């Protein structure tokens, strides 16, 4: 920092050097009571060490490189570049991001002379910031951001892309493509996209050794990937003897069969769709015993020829179970009672039949004892 020298500031020993710059000790005008008035002003320095008064601009139409926002954006660029050299990538990202915001604000200024040269300066400043952001994100292994910022360095950040934002020179376009290819390979393993970017980068910078080496490596990786995929497919297609003989690649068990196989019978009523149920056979038998619960006028369980439609009857029983559980319980109880009754009657009939057979055998035995057998029978009996 240097102080701005007043027009009345004397030369010689009246000046004193302070810690913040040159202190101005100006003599008081003649007729004053005597003494000195001390003060100082702070001004930024140019790269050559002189005073930079560009930020003192007070308005009016002016070129873009004299605008304070453009000056501050350039300062962000220099600060960010220094942070990258020191390995402070997070801080560099903040500086480049602030630069981009300032250039967007600058483009809305009305007192700037927006000729083609001025617009190109702002666009190149912003594109370079995106290019440097891609480098920072690669160092931090933030692959998605690295790929996106490299893309914006090439085509700008407008949607859809504005062709006028394509302002980078060929060598920097090659850098953007190279960095996007790095993000695709190291972050996502997408060798096809990386190979496409590296080929374009090689066109922009054919003498760049780093691009040439990475292009060769990625090309080999793509060939290996394609070869492995082809080998895997070839092994899949040729592993079957039937495939070689033209009989197909699927097992006979996977082929459709002309034989209709009956589905497994459910243990509980299953609702297939509205009004359609699948009912177990034992419930159908129970439904037959409870047929008197459903009146002919209210049920579709009987066909016109008098035969029972067990499918409709089972569906009605299932609907009854879901919609009227109390009545279903009553029907179920009556079915159980009917089954038990039938079982008892069947058991009684079987018992009575067994007793009748036993009595008949007893009577027959008595008759044989009382009768006189013939000679042949008697001999056998003896």
Foldseek 3Di string as FASTA:
>chain_A
DEFDEDPQFDDDPQWDADPQYIKTWGWDDPPDPGDTDIDTDDADADPVGHGDCLVVDDAAADALCSDPLVVQLVVLVVVLVVCVVVVNLVSSLVSLVVSLVSLVVSVPDDRYDDDPVRVLVSLLSNLVSLLVNLVSCVVVLVLVSNLVSLVCSQFNDDVVTDNVSRRDALQSNLSSLQSNLVSCCVPPVPLVSSLVSLVSSCVSPVPDPVSVVVNVVSVVVVVVVVVVVVVVVVCLQPVDPCSVVVNDNDDPVPDDDPDDDDDDQDPAWDDPDVLFIGHHPVVLVLLVQLVVVQDPVRFPQADPVGDGNSRRSRSVLVVCCVPPVVVNVVSNVSSVVVVVVVVVVVVVVVVVVVVVVVVVVVVVVVVVVPDDDDDVVVVVVD
